[in-house]
Each structure stands twice: as C-alpha cells, then as structure tokens.
Amino acid sequence: MAHTVIIYTQTTCGPCQEEKMWLTQQQIPFEDRDIRKNDTYFQEAITLGASMTPVTHIKKENGEEIVVHGFDKEELTKHLL
C-alpha cells in the first residue's frame, strides 16, 4: 500500500535525524519539512498538534491520516511496515 509520509523536523533535533535515518533504512520515501526554514511548515506542524519535533504525518491510500509525535519507532512500524 502506498503512503505519503511528511516529517516535520528541525536541523538541531536529534530524534528528527534518527527518524529520517530509520525511514531511509526501511526504504520508506518521505518529505522532510524543516519548520525553522519555512513558517508555513511550522504552522502546519502546530495544526497537527505538535509541541515538539519530529511530527510525522502519514496519509494512507485509503484516505486515513495518522499523526505520530516524536520518533516512535513502534507506531511508525505499525503504520508503515
């Protein structure tokens, strides 16, 4: 099943870098949106309920949308693998 994965990050965020590395290792394509470089991305992350980064927005083929706060490998595995 195809998913669209958007991860809201910051350059100085360790868990963000870990999650991007994990997604790459799992061969899961994703779009990286740095909230410090683009205020629109910052506002999108806030709308998703973010109080920290990373925030991962998963849009499934069936229309379901999932938001994962923090680098939660268990939740990401459940929804992406």
N, C-alpha and C. Protein backbone atom coordinates (compact mmCIF):
# COMPACT_ATOMS: atom_id res chain seq x y z
N MET A 1 0.84 -1.19 0.00
CA MET A 1 0.00 0.00 0.00
C MET A 1 0.88 1.24 0.00
N ALA A 2 0.54 2.22 -0.82
CA ALA A 2 1.32 3.45 -0.91
C ALA A 2 0.89 4.42 0.19
N HIS A 3 1.86 5.05 0.76
CA HIS A 3 1.62 6.06 1.78
C HIS A 3 2.34 7.34 1.36
N THR A 4 1.82 8.46 1.80
CA THR A 4 2.55 9.71 1.70
C THR A 4 3.03 10.01 3.12
N VAL A 5 4.32 10.20 3.27
CA VAL A 5 4.90 10.44 4.59
C VAL A 5 5.57 11.81 4.58
N ILE A 6 5.12 12.68 5.48
CA ILE A 6 5.71 14.00 5.65
C ILE A 6 6.23 14.08 7.08
N ILE A 7 7.50 14.44 7.24
CA ILE A 7 8.08 14.55 8.57
C ILE A 7 8.49 16.00 8.79
N TYR A 8 7.96 16.58 9.87
CA TYR A 8 8.29 17.96 10.25
C TYR A 8 9.46 17.89 11.22
N THR A 9 10.55 18.59 10.87
CA THR A 9 11.80 18.45 11.60
C THR A 9 12.45 19.81 11.87
N GLN A 10 13.57 19.74 12.60
CA GLN A 10 14.49 20.86 12.80
C GLN A 10 15.90 20.30 12.67
N THR A 11 16.80 21.09 12.14
CA THR A 11 18.17 20.64 11.95
C THR A 11 18.82 20.20 13.25
N THR A 12 18.53 20.91 14.35
CA THR A 12 19.18 20.63 15.63
C THR A 12 18.50 19.53 16.44
N CYS A 13 17.51 18.87 15.87
CA CYS A 13 16.72 17.86 16.59
C CYS A 13 17.31 16.46 16.37
N GLY A 14 17.90 15.89 17.41
CA GLY A 14 18.49 14.55 17.31
C GLY A 14 17.49 13.48 16.90
N PRO A 15 16.33 13.40 17.57
CA PRO A 15 15.33 12.39 17.19
C PRO A 15 14.86 12.55 15.74
N CYS A 16 14.85 13.78 15.23
CA CYS A 16 14.47 14.01 13.83
C CYS A 16 15.47 13.32 12.90
N GLN A 17 16.75 13.51 13.18
CA GLN A 17 17.79 12.91 12.35
C GLN A 17 17.72 11.38 12.44
N GLU A 18 17.45 10.86 13.65
CA GLU A 18 17.32 9.41 13.83
C GLU A 18 16.15 8.85 13.03
N GLU A 19 15.01 9.56 13.06
CA GLU A 19 13.85 9.08 12.32
C GLU A 19 14.09 9.10 10.82
N LYS A 20 14.71 10.16 10.31
CA LYS A 20 14.99 10.23 8.88
C LYS A 20 15.93 9.09 8.47
N MET A 21 16.91 8.79 9.31
CA MET A 21 17.83 7.69 9.01
C MET A 21 17.07 6.36 9.03
N TRP A 22 16.17 6.17 10.00
CA TRP A 22 15.38 4.94 10.11
C TRP A 22 14.48 4.77 8.90
N LEU A 23 13.77 5.85 8.51
CA LEU A 23 12.89 5.78 7.33
C LEU A 23 13.69 5.42 6.08
N THR A 24 14.87 6.00 5.94
CA THR A 24 15.73 5.70 4.80
C THR A 24 16.16 4.23 4.82
N GLN A 25 16.53 3.73 6.00
CA GLN A 25 16.94 2.32 6.12
C GLN A 25 15.79 1.38 5.78
N GLN A 26 14.56 1.78 6.09
CA GLN A 26 13.38 0.97 5.80
C GLN A 26 12.91 1.16 4.35
N GLN A 27 13.60 2.01 3.61
CA GLN A 27 13.27 2.33 2.22
C GLN A 27 11.86 2.91 2.09
N ILE A 28 11.52 3.78 3.04
CA ILE A 28 10.23 4.46 3.04
C ILE A 28 10.48 5.89 2.57
N PRO A 29 9.95 6.25 1.40
CA PRO A 29 10.13 7.63 0.93
C PRO A 29 9.37 8.62 1.82
N PHE A 30 9.96 9.78 2.02
CA PHE A 30 9.33 10.79 2.86
C PHE A 30 9.72 12.18 2.39
N GLU A 31 8.90 13.14 2.76
CA GLU A 31 9.20 14.55 2.50
C GLU A 31 9.60 15.17 3.82
N ASP A 32 10.76 15.80 3.86
CA ASP A 32 11.29 16.45 5.06
C ASP A 32 10.93 17.92 5.01
N ARG A 33 10.19 18.40 6.02
CA ARG A 33 9.80 19.81 6.10
C ARG A 33 10.41 20.42 7.35
N ASP A 34 11.42 21.24 7.15
CA ASP A 34 12.13 21.89 8.25
C ASP A 34 11.33 23.10 8.72
N ILE A 35 10.80 23.03 9.94
CA ILE A 35 9.92 24.08 10.45
C ILE A 35 10.66 25.38 10.76
N ARG A 36 11.99 25.34 10.84
CA ARG A 36 12.78 26.56 11.10
C ARG A 36 13.09 27.32 9.82
N LYS A 37 12.98 26.65 8.69
CA LYS A 37 13.30 27.29 7.42
C LYS A 37 12.06 27.77 6.67
N ASN A 38 10.87 27.36 7.12
CA ASN A 38 9.66 27.71 6.40
C ASN A 38 8.52 27.86 7.42
N ASP A 39 8.02 29.08 7.57
CA ASP A 39 6.97 29.34 8.56
C ASP A 39 5.68 28.59 8.24
N THR A 40 5.40 28.34 6.96
CA THR A 40 4.21 27.56 6.59
C THR A 40 4.30 26.16 7.18
N TYR A 41 5.49 25.54 7.09
CA TYR A 41 5.69 24.21 7.67
C TYR A 41 5.50 24.25 9.18
N PHE A 42 6.00 25.32 9.81
CA PHE A 42 5.84 25.48 11.26
C PHE A 42 4.35 25.51 11.61
N GLN A 43 3.57 26.28 10.86
CA GLN A 43 2.13 26.39 11.12
C GLN A 43 1.42 25.05 10.87
N GLU A 44 1.83 24.33 9.84
CA GLU A 44 1.25 23.01 9.57
C GLU A 44 1.50 22.06 10.75
N ALA A 45 2.73 22.08 11.27
CA ALA A 45 3.07 21.22 12.40
C ALA A 45 2.23 21.57 13.63
N ILE A 46 2.03 22.86 13.87
CA ILE A 46 1.20 23.30 15.00
C ILE A 46 -0.24 22.81 14.81
N THR A 47 -0.75 22.90 13.59
CA THR A 47 -2.10 22.44 13.28
C THR A 47 -2.25 20.94 13.56
N LEU A 48 -1.16 20.18 13.37
CA LEU A 48 -1.18 18.74 13.64
C LEU A 48 -1.04 18.42 15.13
N GLY A 49 -0.93 19.47 15.96
CA GLY A 49 -0.85 19.26 17.40
C GLY A 49 0.57 19.16 17.93
N ALA A 50 1.54 19.60 17.15
CA ALA A 50 2.94 19.46 17.53
C ALA A 50 3.30 20.36 18.71
N SER A 51 4.02 19.77 19.65
CA SER A 51 4.64 20.56 20.70
C SER A 51 6.15 20.29 20.70
N MET A 52 6.56 19.39 19.81
CA MET A 52 7.97 19.04 19.65
C MET A 52 8.14 18.44 18.27
N THR A 53 9.38 18.24 17.88
CA THR A 53 9.66 17.55 16.62
C THR A 53 10.39 16.26 16.95
N PRO A 54 10.34 15.27 16.08
CA PRO A 54 9.64 15.26 14.80
C PRO A 54 8.14 15.01 14.96
N VAL A 55 7.41 15.45 13.96
CA VAL A 55 5.99 15.11 13.82
C VAL A 55 5.87 14.47 12.44
N THR A 56 5.30 13.28 12.41
CA THR A 56 5.18 12.55 11.16
C THR A 56 3.71 12.45 10.78
N HIS A 57 3.39 12.93 9.57
CA HIS A 57 2.03 12.90 9.06
C HIS A 57 1.99 11.84 7.96
N ILE A 58 1.22 10.79 8.20
CA ILE A 58 1.10 9.68 7.25
C ILE A 58 -0.29 9.75 6.62
N LYS A 59 -0.31 9.80 5.30
CA LYS A 59 -1.58 9.77 4.56
C LYS A 59 -1.61 8.44 3.83
N LYS A 60 -2.57 7.60 4.20
CA LYS A 60 -2.68 6.28 3.58
C LYS A 60 -3.53 6.36 2.31
N GLU A 61 -3.34 5.35 1.47
CA GLU A 61 -4.05 5.26 0.20
C GLU A 61 -5.57 5.29 0.38
N ASN A 62 -6.05 4.72 1.49
CA ASN A 62 -7.49 4.64 1.75
C ASN A 62 -8.07 5.93 2.33
N GLY A 63 -7.23 6.98 2.44
CA GLY A 63 -7.70 8.27 2.95
C GLY A 63 -7.45 8.47 4.43
N GLU A 64 -7.08 7.40 5.14
CA GLU A 64 -6.79 7.52 6.56
C GLU A 64 -5.54 8.38 6.77
N GLU A 65 -5.58 9.22 7.81
CA GLU A 65 -4.42 10.05 8.14
C GLU A 65 -4.01 9.77 9.58
N ILE A 66 -2.72 9.60 9.78
CA ILE A 66 -2.17 9.31 11.10
C ILE A 66 -1.09 10.34 11.39
N VAL A 67 -1.06 10.81 12.63
CA VAL A 67 -0.01 11.73 13.06
C VAL A 67 0.73 11.06 14.20
N VAL A 68 2.06 10.97 14.07
CA VAL A 68 2.91 10.38 15.10
C VAL A 68 3.80 11.49 15.65
N HIS A 69 3.70 11.71 16.96
CA HIS A 69 4.51 12.75 17.62
C HIS A 69 5.76 12.10 18.21
N GLY A 70 6.91 12.71 17.93
CA GLY A 70 8.18 12.16 18.39
C GLY A 70 8.60 11.00 17.50
N PHE A 71 9.81 10.51 17.74
CA PHE A 71 10.30 9.36 16.98
C PHE A 71 9.85 8.10 17.71
N ASP A 72 8.64 7.64 17.35
CA ASP A 72 8.03 6.47 17.97
C ASP A 72 8.13 5.31 16.98
N LYS A 73 9.23 4.58 17.07
CA LYS A 73 9.51 3.51 16.10
C LYS A 73 8.40 2.47 16.06
N GLU A 74 7.81 2.17 17.21
CA GLU A 74 6.73 1.16 17.28
C GLU A 74 5.50 1.63 16.48
N GLU A 75 5.11 2.88 16.68
CA GLU A 75 3.94 3.43 15.96
C GLU A 75 4.24 3.52 14.46
N LEU A 76 5.42 3.98 14.11
CA LEU A 76 5.79 4.08 12.70
C LEU A 76 5.79 2.72 12.04
N THR A 77 6.33 1.73 12.72
CA THR A 77 6.35 0.36 12.18
C THR A 77 4.93 -0.13 11.96
N LYS A 78 4.06 0.11 12.93
CA LYS A 78 2.66 -0.34 12.86
C LYS A 78 1.96 0.24 11.62
N HIS A 79 2.23 1.50 11.30
CA HIS A 79 1.51 2.16 10.23
C HIS A 79 2.21 2.11 8.87
N LEU A 80 3.51 1.82 8.87
CA LEU A 80 4.25 1.91 7.61
C LEU A 80 4.80 0.57 7.10
N LEU A 81 4.98 -0.40 7.98
CA LEU A 81 5.59 -1.65 7.54
C LEU A 81 4.61 -2.82 7.56
